[in-house]
């Protein structure tokens, strides 16, 4: 007589648990290819091959290229603590250095993303979710603290300056093909962003 099967609890995991280390390896492979060939030329096949994994392993975790790239971007660890040095300028500089750190390849990453976004709506949504919204939230927090210290008017709107650095960085990196260095950041902050913030009209 056949023995009754033990019922499976709803939501109970099936098969082998996922290996967190394997997931990290896959994301590192995706990050490397994203920097090397860009979003439009990145393929699930290439990521699997670089990581020494099967495509089925990749698709079980991320069903599409957009899902994989979203996870790879998140793994760059953009969510560092919002700088709080007690100075508006130093906070903005620290934030800019995190976002455009050439040692982490982030300046090259932006070039790859910016040139592909116009032709890919999924990538645009990933970019907004993983990069634009966290950056805007961090900038808003920095400006809120500066207003509390009296460095800028309380009416200052972070959205009024939020796109300035990315726009100028695009021109600098993509059009002029120049690196984001201290001279560039000093110019953008001291000659453009800080005067705009400090000159905001009082309520």
N, C-alpha and C. Protein backbone atom coordinates (compact mmCIF):
# COMPACT_ATOMS: atom_id res chain seq x y z
N UNK A 1 0.85 -1.19 0.00
CA UNK A 1 0.00 0.00 0.00
C UNK A 1 0.88 1.24 0.00
N UNK A 2 0.56 2.14 -0.88
CA UNK A 2 1.39 3.35 -1.00
C UNK A 2 1.23 4.22 0.23
N UNK A 3 2.33 4.78 0.67
CA UNK A 3 2.30 5.69 1.81
C UNK A 3 1.79 7.05 1.36
N UNK A 4 0.96 7.71 2.17
CA UNK A 4 0.48 9.04 1.80
C UNK A 4 1.63 10.03 1.77
N UNK A 5 1.58 10.92 0.81
CA UNK A 5 2.62 11.93 0.69
C UNK A 5 2.41 13.03 1.70
N UNK A 6 3.53 13.53 2.22
CA UNK A 6 3.44 14.65 3.15
C UNK A 6 3.06 15.90 2.39
N UNK A 7 1.99 16.57 2.79
CA UNK A 7 1.57 17.77 2.05
C UNK A 7 2.63 18.86 2.13
N UNK A 8 2.74 19.60 1.06
CA UNK A 8 3.68 20.72 1.02
C UNK A 8 2.99 21.96 1.54
N UNK A 9 3.61 22.62 2.51
CA UNK A 9 3.02 23.84 3.06
C UNK A 9 2.99 24.93 2.01
N UNK A 10 1.89 25.70 1.96
CA UNK A 10 1.84 26.82 1.01
C UNK A 10 3.01 27.76 1.25
N UNK A 11 3.67 28.14 0.17
CA UNK A 11 4.78 29.07 0.29
C UNK A 11 6.10 28.42 0.65
N UNK A 12 6.10 27.10 0.90
CA UNK A 12 7.35 26.44 1.26
C UNK A 12 8.27 26.40 0.05
N UNK A 13 9.57 26.63 0.23
CA UNK A 13 10.49 26.62 -0.90
C UNK A 13 10.63 25.24 -1.49
N UNK A 14 10.77 25.15 -2.80
CA UNK A 14 10.96 23.88 -3.48
C UNK A 14 12.39 23.81 -4.01
N UNK A 15 12.93 22.61 -4.05
CA UNK A 15 14.27 22.44 -4.60
C UNK A 15 15.33 23.02 -3.68
N UNK A 16 16.53 23.16 -4.25
CA UNK A 16 17.64 23.67 -3.46
C UNK A 16 17.50 25.17 -3.23
N UNK A 17 17.88 25.65 -2.04
CA UNK A 17 17.82 27.09 -1.82
C UNK A 17 18.84 27.81 -2.70
N UNK A 18 18.53 29.04 -3.03
CA UNK A 18 19.44 29.81 -3.87
C UNK A 18 20.73 30.12 -3.13
N UNK A 19 21.81 30.08 -3.87
CA UNK A 19 23.13 30.38 -3.33
C UNK A 19 23.37 31.88 -3.48
N UNK A 20 23.46 32.59 -2.34
CA UNK A 20 23.65 34.04 -2.39
C UNK A 20 24.96 34.40 -3.08
N UNK A 21 25.98 33.58 -2.86
CA UNK A 21 27.27 33.83 -3.50
C UNK A 21 27.16 33.74 -5.01
N UNK A 22 26.38 32.79 -5.48
CA UNK A 22 26.18 32.64 -6.92
C UNK A 22 25.48 33.86 -7.50
N UNK A 23 24.51 34.37 -6.76
CA UNK A 23 23.82 35.56 -7.22
C UNK A 23 24.76 36.74 -7.36
N UNK A 24 25.67 36.88 -6.40
CA UNK A 24 26.65 37.97 -6.45
C UNK A 24 27.55 37.82 -7.67
N UNK A 25 27.97 36.60 -7.96
CA UNK A 25 28.83 36.36 -9.13
C UNK A 25 28.10 36.75 -10.42
N UNK A 26 26.83 36.42 -10.51
CA UNK A 26 26.06 36.75 -11.70
C UNK A 26 25.93 38.27 -11.86
N UNK A 27 25.69 38.96 -10.76
CA UNK A 27 25.55 40.41 -10.82
C UNK A 27 26.87 41.08 -11.17
N UNK A 28 27.97 40.56 -10.65
CA UNK A 28 29.28 41.11 -11.00
C UNK A 28 29.55 40.92 -12.49
N UNK A 29 29.16 39.78 -13.02
CA UNK A 29 29.33 39.55 -14.46
C UNK A 29 28.50 40.54 -15.26
N UNK A 30 27.28 40.77 -14.83
CA UNK A 30 26.41 41.73 -15.52
C UNK A 30 26.98 43.15 -15.43
N UNK A 31 27.49 43.52 -14.26
CA UNK A 31 28.08 44.84 -14.10
C UNK A 31 29.27 45.03 -15.03
N UNK A 32 30.14 44.03 -15.08
CA UNK A 32 31.32 44.13 -15.93
C UNK A 32 30.96 44.30 -17.40
N UNK A 33 29.99 43.53 -17.86
CA UNK A 33 29.58 43.63 -19.26
C UNK A 33 28.85 44.93 -19.54
N UNK A 34 28.09 45.40 -18.57
CA UNK A 34 27.39 46.67 -18.75
C UNK A 34 28.39 47.80 -18.95
N UNK A 35 29.48 47.78 -18.20
CA UNK A 35 30.52 48.80 -18.35
C UNK A 35 31.29 48.64 -19.66
N UNK A 36 31.47 47.40 -20.09
CA UNK A 36 32.30 47.15 -21.28
C UNK A 36 31.55 47.35 -22.59
N UNK A 37 30.33 46.85 -22.68
CA UNK A 37 29.64 46.85 -23.97
C UNK A 37 28.38 47.70 -23.97
N UNK A 38 27.92 48.13 -22.80
CA UNK A 38 26.70 48.93 -22.75
C UNK A 38 25.45 48.09 -22.68
N UNK A 39 24.35 48.75 -22.38
CA UNK A 39 23.08 48.04 -22.18
C UNK A 39 22.59 47.39 -23.46
N UNK A 40 22.67 48.12 -24.58
CA UNK A 40 22.08 47.60 -25.81
C UNK A 40 22.78 46.36 -26.32
N UNK A 41 24.07 46.19 -26.00
CA UNK A 41 24.82 45.03 -26.48
C UNK A 41 24.97 43.94 -25.41
N UNK A 42 24.47 44.20 -24.22
CA UNK A 42 24.53 43.18 -23.17
C UNK A 42 23.48 42.12 -23.45
N UNK A 43 23.84 40.86 -23.28
CA UNK A 43 22.90 39.77 -23.49
C UNK A 43 22.93 38.81 -22.31
N UNK A 44 21.83 38.12 -22.11
CA UNK A 44 21.77 37.13 -21.04
C UNK A 44 22.77 36.00 -21.32
N UNK A 45 22.95 35.65 -22.59
CA UNK A 45 23.93 34.62 -22.96
C UNK A 45 25.32 35.00 -22.50
N UNK A 46 25.70 36.26 -22.77
CA UNK A 46 27.05 36.71 -22.43
C UNK A 46 27.26 36.74 -20.92
N UNK A 47 26.24 37.16 -20.18
CA UNK A 47 26.36 37.20 -18.72
C UNK A 47 26.53 35.79 -18.17
N UNK A 48 25.70 34.86 -18.66
CA UNK A 48 25.80 33.48 -18.20
C UNK A 48 27.17 32.89 -18.51
N UNK A 49 27.67 33.17 -19.71
CA UNK A 49 28.98 32.64 -20.10
C UNK A 49 30.09 33.20 -19.22
N UNK A 50 30.05 34.51 -18.97
CA UNK A 50 31.11 35.11 -18.14
C UNK A 50 31.07 34.56 -16.72
N UNK A 51 29.88 34.33 -16.20
CA UNK A 51 29.75 33.84 -14.83
C UNK A 51 29.92 32.33 -14.72
N UNK A 52 30.04 31.65 -15.87
CA UNK A 52 30.15 30.20 -15.85
C UNK A 52 28.88 29.54 -15.37
N UNK A 53 27.75 30.12 -15.77
CA UNK A 53 26.45 29.60 -15.34
C UNK A 53 25.60 29.27 -16.55
N UNK A 54 24.52 28.56 -16.31
CA UNK A 54 23.59 28.26 -17.39
C UNK A 54 22.60 29.41 -17.53
N UNK A 55 22.03 29.53 -18.72
CA UNK A 55 21.03 30.57 -18.93
C UNK A 55 19.81 30.32 -18.05
N UNK A 56 19.48 29.07 -17.81
CA UNK A 56 18.31 28.77 -16.97
C UNK A 56 18.52 29.29 -15.55
N UNK A 57 19.76 29.21 -15.05
CA UNK A 57 20.07 29.76 -13.72
C UNK A 57 19.82 31.26 -13.70
N UNK A 58 20.23 31.92 -14.76
CA UNK A 58 20.06 33.37 -14.86
C UNK A 58 18.59 33.75 -14.94
N UNK A 59 17.84 33.04 -15.79
CA UNK A 59 16.44 33.38 -15.99
C UNK A 59 15.57 33.04 -14.78
N UNK A 60 16.01 32.08 -13.97
CA UNK A 60 15.24 31.78 -12.76
C UNK A 60 15.27 32.95 -11.79
N UNK A 61 16.36 33.68 -11.81
CA UNK A 61 16.50 34.82 -10.90
C UNK A 61 15.95 36.10 -11.50
N UNK A 62 16.23 36.31 -12.78
CA UNK A 62 15.81 37.55 -13.46
C UNK A 62 15.21 37.18 -14.81
N UNK A 63 13.91 37.31 -14.97
CA UNK A 63 13.24 36.84 -16.19
C UNK A 63 13.53 37.66 -17.44
N UNK A 64 14.14 38.83 -17.30
CA UNK A 64 14.44 39.65 -18.47
C UNK A 64 15.74 40.41 -18.27
N UNK A 65 16.27 40.93 -19.36
CA UNK A 65 17.50 41.72 -19.27
C UNK A 65 17.29 42.96 -18.41
N UNK A 66 16.13 43.58 -18.54
CA UNK A 66 15.85 44.77 -17.74
C UNK A 66 15.86 44.45 -16.24
N UNK A 67 15.30 43.29 -15.87
CA UNK A 67 15.31 42.88 -14.46
C UNK A 67 16.73 42.65 -13.97
N UNK A 68 17.54 42.01 -14.81
CA UNK A 68 18.93 41.74 -14.44
C UNK A 68 19.71 43.04 -14.27
N UNK A 69 19.55 43.96 -15.21
CA UNK A 69 20.28 45.23 -15.14
C UNK A 69 19.82 46.05 -13.94
N UNK A 70 18.53 46.01 -13.63
CA UNK A 70 18.04 46.71 -12.46
C UNK A 70 18.73 46.20 -11.20
N UNK A 71 18.84 44.88 -11.08
CA UNK A 71 19.52 44.29 -9.91
C UNK A 71 21.00 44.62 -9.92
N UNK A 72 21.62 44.63 -11.11
CA UNK A 72 23.04 44.95 -11.21
C UNK A 72 23.31 46.39 -10.81
N UNK A 73 22.43 47.30 -11.21
CA UNK A 73 22.59 48.70 -10.82
C UNK A 73 22.43 48.87 -9.31
N UNK A 74 21.45 48.19 -8.75
CA UNK A 74 21.25 48.28 -7.30
C UNK A 74 22.47 47.76 -6.55
N UNK A 75 23.14 46.75 -7.12
CA UNK A 75 24.30 46.16 -6.47
C UNK A 75 25.52 47.07 -6.50
N UNK A 76 25.47 48.17 -7.25
CA UNK A 76 26.56 49.14 -7.20
C UNK A 76 26.56 49.91 -5.88
N UNK A 77 25.55 49.69 -5.04
CA UNK A 77 25.46 50.28 -3.70
C UNK A 77 25.41 51.81 -3.75
N UNK A 78 24.36 52.31 -4.41
CA UNK A 78 24.16 53.75 -4.47
C UNK A 78 23.63 54.31 -3.15
N UNK A 79 23.04 53.42 -2.33
CA UNK A 79 22.35 53.89 -1.14
C UNK A 79 23.30 54.11 0.03
N UNK A 80 24.43 54.77 -0.23
CA UNK A 80 25.33 55.15 0.86
C UNK A 80 24.63 56.19 1.72
N UNK A 81 25.01 56.30 2.99
CA UNK A 81 24.37 57.31 3.85
C UNK A 81 24.47 58.70 3.23
N UNK A 82 23.41 59.47 3.38
CA UNK A 82 23.42 60.84 2.86
C UNK A 82 24.49 61.63 3.61
N UNK A 83 25.40 62.29 2.90
CA UNK A 83 26.47 63.04 3.59
C UNK A 83 25.90 64.07 4.56
N UNK A 84 26.54 64.20 5.70
CA UNK A 84 26.09 65.16 6.71
C UNK A 84 27.32 65.75 7.40
N UNK A 85 28.03 66.62 6.66
CA UNK A 85 29.27 67.20 7.17
C UNK A 85 29.04 68.49 7.95
N UNK A 86 27.82 69.02 7.88
CA UNK A 86 27.55 70.32 8.50
C UNK A 86 27.74 71.47 7.54
N UNK A 87 28.09 71.17 6.29
CA UNK A 87 28.30 72.20 5.27
C UNK A 87 27.58 71.80 4.00
N UNK A 88 26.78 72.71 3.44
CA UNK A 88 26.05 72.41 2.21
C UNK A 88 27.02 72.05 1.09
N UNK A 89 28.06 72.84 0.93
CA UNK A 89 29.00 72.57 -0.17
C UNK A 89 29.66 71.22 -0.02
N UNK A 90 30.12 70.91 1.18
CA UNK A 90 30.82 69.65 1.38
C UNK A 90 29.88 68.46 1.23
N UNK A 91 28.63 68.64 1.65
CA UNK A 91 27.65 67.55 1.46
C UNK A 91 27.40 67.30 -0.02
N UNK A 92 27.22 68.38 -0.79
CA UNK A 92 26.98 68.23 -2.22
C UNK A 92 28.20 67.62 -2.92
N UNK A 93 29.39 68.04 -2.52
CA UNK A 93 30.60 67.49 -3.12
C UNK A 93 30.72 66.00 -2.82
N UNK A 94 30.46 65.62 -1.58
CA UNK A 94 30.56 64.20 -1.21
C UNK A 94 29.55 63.37 -1.99
N UNK A 95 28.34 63.90 -2.16
CA UNK A 95 27.32 63.17 -2.92
C UNK A 95 27.74 63.02 -4.38
N UNK A 96 28.25 64.09 -4.97
CA UNK A 96 28.68 64.04 -6.37
C UNK A 96 29.83 63.06 -6.56
N UNK A 97 30.74 63.02 -5.61
CA UNK A 97 31.89 62.11 -5.72
C UNK A 97 31.46 60.65 -5.65
N UNK A 98 30.43 60.37 -4.85
CA UNK A 98 29.91 59.00 -4.79
C UNK A 98 29.28 58.62 -6.12
N UNK A 99 28.49 59.51 -6.67
CA UNK A 99 27.74 59.18 -7.89
C UNK A 99 28.62 59.08 -9.12
N UNK A 100 29.69 59.85 -9.17
CA UNK A 100 30.53 59.85 -10.37
C UNK A 100 31.94 59.35 -10.07
N UNK A 101 32.06 58.43 -9.15
CA UNK A 101 33.36 57.90 -8.74
C UNK A 101 33.99 57.11 -9.89
N UNK A 102 35.09 57.62 -10.49
CA UNK A 102 35.70 56.89 -11.61
C UNK A 102 36.35 55.59 -11.18
N UNK A 103 36.78 55.51 -9.92
CA UNK A 103 37.41 54.27 -9.45
C UNK A 103 36.42 53.11 -9.42
N UNK A 104 35.14 53.42 -9.24
CA UNK A 104 34.11 52.38 -9.24
C UNK A 104 33.50 52.18 -10.63
N UNK A 105 33.99 52.96 -11.60
CA UNK A 105 33.45 52.84 -12.95
C UNK A 105 32.11 53.50 -13.14
N UNK A 106 31.69 54.32 -12.17
CA UNK A 106 30.35 54.88 -12.25
C UNK A 106 30.24 55.96 -13.33
N UNK A 107 31.33 56.67 -13.61
CA UNK A 107 31.26 57.64 -14.69
C UNK A 107 31.03 56.93 -16.03
N UNK A 108 31.73 55.82 -16.25
CA UNK A 108 31.53 55.05 -17.49
C UNK A 108 30.13 54.43 -17.53
N UNK A 109 29.64 54.04 -16.36
CA UNK A 109 28.30 53.46 -16.30
C UNK A 109 27.25 54.45 -16.77
N UNK A 110 27.36 55.70 -16.32
CA UNK A 110 26.40 56.71 -16.75
C UNK A 110 26.45 56.92 -18.25
N UNK A 111 27.64 56.93 -18.82
CA UNK A 111 27.76 57.08 -20.27
C UNK A 111 27.01 55.96 -20.98
N UNK A 112 27.21 54.73 -20.52
CA UNK A 112 26.55 53.58 -21.14
C UNK A 112 25.03 53.70 -21.04
N UNK A 113 24.54 54.13 -19.89
CA UNK A 113 23.10 54.23 -19.70
C UNK A 113 22.50 55.38 -20.49
N UNK A 114 23.12 56.54 -20.41
CA UNK A 114 22.57 57.73 -21.07
C UNK A 114 22.43 57.53 -22.58
N UNK A 115 23.38 56.85 -23.19
CA UNK A 115 23.32 56.69 -24.64
C UNK A 115 22.29 55.65 -25.07
N UNK A 116 21.82 54.81 -24.14
CA UNK A 116 20.85 53.77 -24.49
C UNK A 116 19.43 54.13 -24.09
N UNK A 117 19.25 55.01 -23.12
CA UNK A 117 17.93 55.32 -22.59
C UNK A 117 16.93 55.81 -23.65
N UNK A 118 17.32 56.68 -24.59
CA UNK A 118 16.32 57.18 -25.55
C UNK A 118 15.61 56.09 -26.35
N UNK A 119 16.25 54.94 -26.52
CA UNK A 119 15.68 53.88 -27.35
C UNK A 119 15.11 52.71 -26.56
N UNK A 120 15.05 52.83 -25.24
CA UNK A 120 14.60 51.69 -24.44
C UNK A 120 13.79 52.17 -23.24
N UNK A 121 12.48 51.99 -23.30
CA UNK A 121 11.60 52.46 -22.23
C UNK A 121 11.83 51.69 -20.94
N UNK A 122 12.10 50.39 -21.04
CA UNK A 122 12.37 49.62 -19.82
C UNK A 122 13.60 50.14 -19.10
N UNK A 123 14.64 50.44 -19.85
CA UNK A 123 15.86 50.97 -19.24
C UNK A 123 15.59 52.33 -18.61
N UNK A 124 14.77 53.15 -19.25
CA UNK A 124 14.45 54.46 -18.69
C UNK A 124 13.78 54.31 -17.33
N UNK A 125 12.86 53.35 -17.22
CA UNK A 125 12.19 53.12 -15.95
C UNK A 125 13.17 52.60 -14.89
N UNK A 126 14.07 51.71 -15.30
CA UNK A 126 15.09 51.22 -14.37
C UNK A 126 15.97 52.37 -13.89
N UNK A 127 16.36 53.23 -14.80
CA UNK A 127 17.21 54.37 -14.46
C UNK A 127 16.51 55.30 -13.47
N UNK A 128 15.23 55.56 -13.71
CA UNK A 128 14.47 56.42 -12.79
C UNK A 128 14.40 55.80 -11.40
N UNK A 129 14.11 54.50 -11.35
CA UNK A 129 13.92 53.83 -10.07
C UNK A 129 15.22 53.68 -9.29
N UNK A 130 16.26 53.24 -9.96
CA UNK A 130 17.50 52.89 -9.27
C UNK A 130 18.44 54.08 -9.07
N UNK A 131 18.34 55.09 -9.92
CA UNK A 131 19.32 56.17 -9.86
C UNK A 131 18.70 57.54 -9.61
N UNK A 132 17.73 57.94 -10.41
CA UNK A 132 17.22 59.31 -10.30
C UNK A 132 16.49 59.54 -8.98
N UNK A 133 15.58 58.66 -8.62
CA UNK A 133 14.80 58.89 -7.40
C UNK A 133 15.64 58.85 -6.13
N UNK A 134 16.55 57.88 -5.97
CA UNK A 134 17.42 57.93 -4.78
C UNK A 134 18.30 59.18 -4.74
N UNK A 135 18.81 59.60 -5.90
CA UNK A 135 19.65 60.81 -5.94
C UNK A 135 18.84 62.04 -5.56
N UNK A 136 17.61 62.12 -6.05
CA UNK A 136 16.75 63.26 -5.74
C UNK A 136 16.41 63.29 -4.26
N UNK A 137 16.15 62.12 -3.68
CA UNK A 137 15.83 62.05 -2.25
C UNK A 137 17.03 62.49 -1.41
N UNK A 138 18.23 62.06 -1.80
CA UNK A 138 19.44 62.45 -1.06
C UNK A 138 19.66 63.95 -1.16
N UNK A 139 19.48 64.51 -2.35
CA UNK A 139 19.65 65.94 -2.54
C UNK A 139 18.64 66.73 -1.71
N UNK A 140 17.41 66.26 -1.68
CA UNK A 140 16.37 66.94 -0.89
C UNK A 140 16.73 66.95 0.59
N UNK A 141 17.29 65.84 1.08
CA UNK A 141 17.67 65.77 2.49
C UNK A 141 18.82 66.73 2.79
N UNK A 142 19.79 66.81 1.89
CA UNK A 142 20.92 67.73 2.07
C UNK A 142 20.44 69.18 2.11
N UNK A 143 19.54 69.53 1.21
CA UNK A 143 19.04 70.91 1.16
C UNK A 143 18.16 71.21 2.37
N UNK A 144 17.40 70.23 2.82
CA UNK A 144 16.57 70.43 4.02
C UNK A 144 17.45 70.75 5.23
N UNK A 145 18.54 70.01 5.39
CA UNK A 145 19.45 70.27 6.50
C UNK A 145 20.10 71.64 6.37
N UNK A 146 20.49 71.99 5.13
CA UNK A 146 21.11 73.29 4.91
C UNK A 146 20.15 74.42 5.25
N UNK A 147 18.87 74.25 4.93
CA UNK A 147 17.87 75.26 5.25
C UNK A 147 17.72 75.40 6.77
N UNK A 148 17.79 74.29 7.48
CA UNK A 148 17.70 74.34 8.94
C UNK A 148 18.89 75.08 9.54
N UNK A 149 20.05 74.98 8.89
CA UNK A 149 21.25 75.68 9.37
C UNK A 149 21.28 77.14 8.91
N UNK A 150 20.36 77.52 8.05
CA UNK A 150 20.33 78.89 7.55
C UNK A 150 21.22 79.14 6.35
N UNK A 151 21.71 78.08 5.70
CA UNK A 151 22.59 78.25 4.54
C UNK A 151 21.82 78.59 3.28
N UNK A 152 20.58 78.17 3.20
CA UNK A 152 19.73 78.47 2.04
C UNK A 152 18.35 78.82 2.56
N UNK A 153 17.56 79.55 1.77
CA UNK A 153 16.19 79.86 2.20
C UNK A 153 15.36 78.60 2.38
N UNK A 154 14.42 78.65 3.29
CA UNK A 154 13.57 77.48 3.53
C UNK A 154 12.69 77.16 2.33
N UNK A 155 12.53 78.12 1.42
CA UNK A 155 11.70 77.89 0.23
C UNK A 155 12.45 77.17 -0.88
N UNK A 156 13.72 76.86 -0.68
CA UNK A 156 14.54 76.26 -1.73
C UNK A 156 13.95 74.92 -2.19
N UNK A 157 13.80 74.79 -3.49
CA UNK A 157 13.24 73.57 -4.08
C UNK A 157 14.37 72.72 -4.65
N UNK A 158 14.61 71.53 -4.09
CA UNK A 158 15.72 70.70 -4.60
C UNK A 158 15.53 70.29 -6.05
N UNK A 159 14.29 70.22 -6.50
CA UNK A 159 14.04 69.80 -7.88
C UNK A 159 14.50 70.86 -8.89
N UNK A 160 14.65 72.10 -8.42
CA UNK A 160 15.07 73.16 -9.33
C UNK A 160 16.53 73.02 -9.75
N UNK A 161 17.32 72.29 -8.97
CA UNK A 161 18.74 72.12 -9.31
C UNK A 161 19.12 70.66 -9.50
N UNK A 162 18.16 69.76 -9.28
CA UNK A 162 18.48 68.33 -9.30
C UNK A 162 19.02 67.82 -10.62
N UNK A 163 18.63 68.44 -11.73
CA UNK A 163 19.08 67.95 -13.03
C UNK A 163 20.31 68.64 -13.58
N UNK A 164 20.83 69.64 -12.85
CA UNK A 164 21.94 70.41 -13.40
C UNK A 164 23.21 69.59 -13.52
N UNK A 165 23.62 68.94 -12.43
CA UNK A 165 24.86 68.17 -12.48
C UNK A 165 24.78 67.02 -13.49
N UNK A 166 23.70 66.21 -13.51
CA UNK A 166 23.64 65.15 -14.52
C UNK A 166 23.70 65.69 -15.95
N UNK A 167 23.04 66.82 -16.20
CA UNK A 167 23.04 67.38 -17.56
C UNK A 167 24.44 67.83 -17.96
N UNK A 168 25.13 68.52 -17.06
CA UNK A 168 26.48 68.98 -17.37
C UNK A 168 27.46 67.80 -17.43
N UNK A 169 27.22 66.80 -16.59
CA UNK A 169 28.07 65.61 -16.62
C UNK A 169 27.91 64.87 -17.94
N UNK A 170 26.68 64.83 -18.46
CA UNK A 170 26.45 64.20 -19.77
C UNK A 170 27.27 64.90 -20.85
N UNK A 171 27.21 66.22 -20.88
CA UNK A 171 27.98 66.96 -21.87
C UNK A 171 29.48 66.71 -21.70
N UNK A 172 29.92 66.69 -20.44
CA UNK A 172 31.35 66.54 -20.15
C UNK A 172 31.85 65.15 -20.53
N UNK A 173 31.07 64.12 -20.16
CA UNK A 173 31.51 62.75 -20.39
C UNK A 173 31.26 62.27 -21.82
N UNK A 174 30.06 62.56 -22.33
CA UNK A 174 29.66 61.99 -23.62
C UNK A 174 30.10 62.86 -24.79
N UNK A 175 29.87 64.17 -24.69
CA UNK A 175 30.17 65.06 -25.81
C UNK A 175 31.65 65.45 -25.83
N UNK A 176 32.14 65.95 -24.69
CA UNK A 176 33.53 66.40 -24.63
C UNK A 176 34.52 65.28 -24.33
N UNK A 177 33.99 64.16 -23.82
CA UNK A 177 34.83 63.00 -23.46
C UNK A 177 35.93 63.37 -22.48
N UNK A 178 35.51 64.10 -21.46
CA UNK A 178 36.41 64.51 -20.39
C UNK A 178 35.97 63.84 -19.09
N UNK A 179 36.91 63.53 -18.20
CA UNK A 179 36.54 62.87 -16.94
C UNK A 179 35.87 63.82 -15.97
N UNK A 180 35.08 63.26 -15.08
CA UNK A 180 34.51 64.03 -13.99
C UNK A 180 35.57 64.11 -12.89
N UNK A 181 36.23 65.26 -12.80
CA UNK A 181 37.30 65.41 -11.81
C UNK A 181 36.97 66.54 -10.85
N UNK A 182 37.89 66.82 -9.94
CA UNK A 182 37.65 67.83 -8.91
C UNK A 182 37.44 69.21 -9.52
N UNK A 183 38.17 69.53 -10.58
CA UNK A 183 38.04 70.84 -11.22
C UNK A 183 36.63 71.03 -11.77
N UNK A 184 36.11 69.99 -12.42
CA UNK A 184 34.76 70.06 -12.98
C UNK A 184 33.73 70.22 -11.87
N UNK A 185 33.83 69.41 -10.81
CA UNK A 185 32.86 69.48 -9.72
C UNK A 185 32.93 70.81 -8.99
N UNK A 186 34.14 71.33 -8.78
CA UNK A 186 34.28 72.65 -8.14
C UNK A 186 33.55 73.72 -8.96
N UNK A 187 33.74 73.67 -10.27
CA UNK A 187 33.10 74.66 -11.14
C UNK A 187 31.58 74.56 -11.08
N UNK A 188 31.06 73.36 -11.19
CA UNK A 188 29.60 73.19 -11.21
C UNK A 188 28.99 73.62 -9.88
N UNK A 189 29.62 73.25 -8.78
CA UNK A 189 29.08 73.60 -7.47
C UNK A 189 29.23 75.10 -7.18
N UNK A 190 30.44 75.62 -7.34
CA UNK A 190 30.71 77.00 -6.90
C UNK A 190 30.15 78.06 -7.85
N UNK A 191 30.11 77.75 -9.13
CA UNK A 191 29.70 78.76 -10.10
C UNK A 191 28.25 78.63 -10.56
N UNK A 192 27.64 77.48 -10.30
CA UNK A 192 26.28 77.27 -10.82
C UNK A 192 25.29 76.87 -9.73
N UNK A 193 25.52 75.72 -9.10
CA UNK A 193 24.50 75.17 -8.19
C UNK A 193 24.39 75.98 -6.90
N UNK A 194 25.50 76.26 -6.24
CA UNK A 194 25.42 76.98 -4.96
C UNK A 194 24.85 78.40 -5.13
N UNK A 195 25.27 79.17 -6.14
CA UNK A 195 24.63 80.49 -6.32
C UNK A 195 23.12 80.39 -6.54
N UNK A 196 22.68 79.38 -7.28
CA UNK A 196 21.24 79.21 -7.50
C UNK A 196 20.52 78.88 -6.20
N UNK A 197 21.09 77.98 -5.42
CA UNK A 197 20.46 77.60 -4.16
C UNK A 197 20.41 78.77 -3.18
N UNK A 198 21.49 79.49 -3.06
CA UNK A 198 21.55 80.58 -2.09
C UNK A 198 20.77 81.80 -2.53
N UNK A 199 20.48 81.86 -3.83
CA UNK A 199 19.72 83.01 -4.32
C UNK A 199 18.24 82.74 -4.45
N UNK A 200 17.78 81.60 -3.93
CA UNK A 200 16.35 81.29 -4.02
C UNK A 200 15.55 82.34 -3.27
N UNK A 201 14.42 82.77 -3.82
CA UNK A 201 13.62 83.81 -3.17
C UNK A 201 13.05 83.35 -1.84
N UNK A 202 13.00 84.25 -0.90
CA UNK A 202 12.41 83.94 0.41
C UNK A 202 10.91 83.83 0.27
N UNK A 203 10.24 83.05 1.15
CA UNK A 203 8.78 82.90 1.06
C UNK A 203 8.08 84.21 1.37
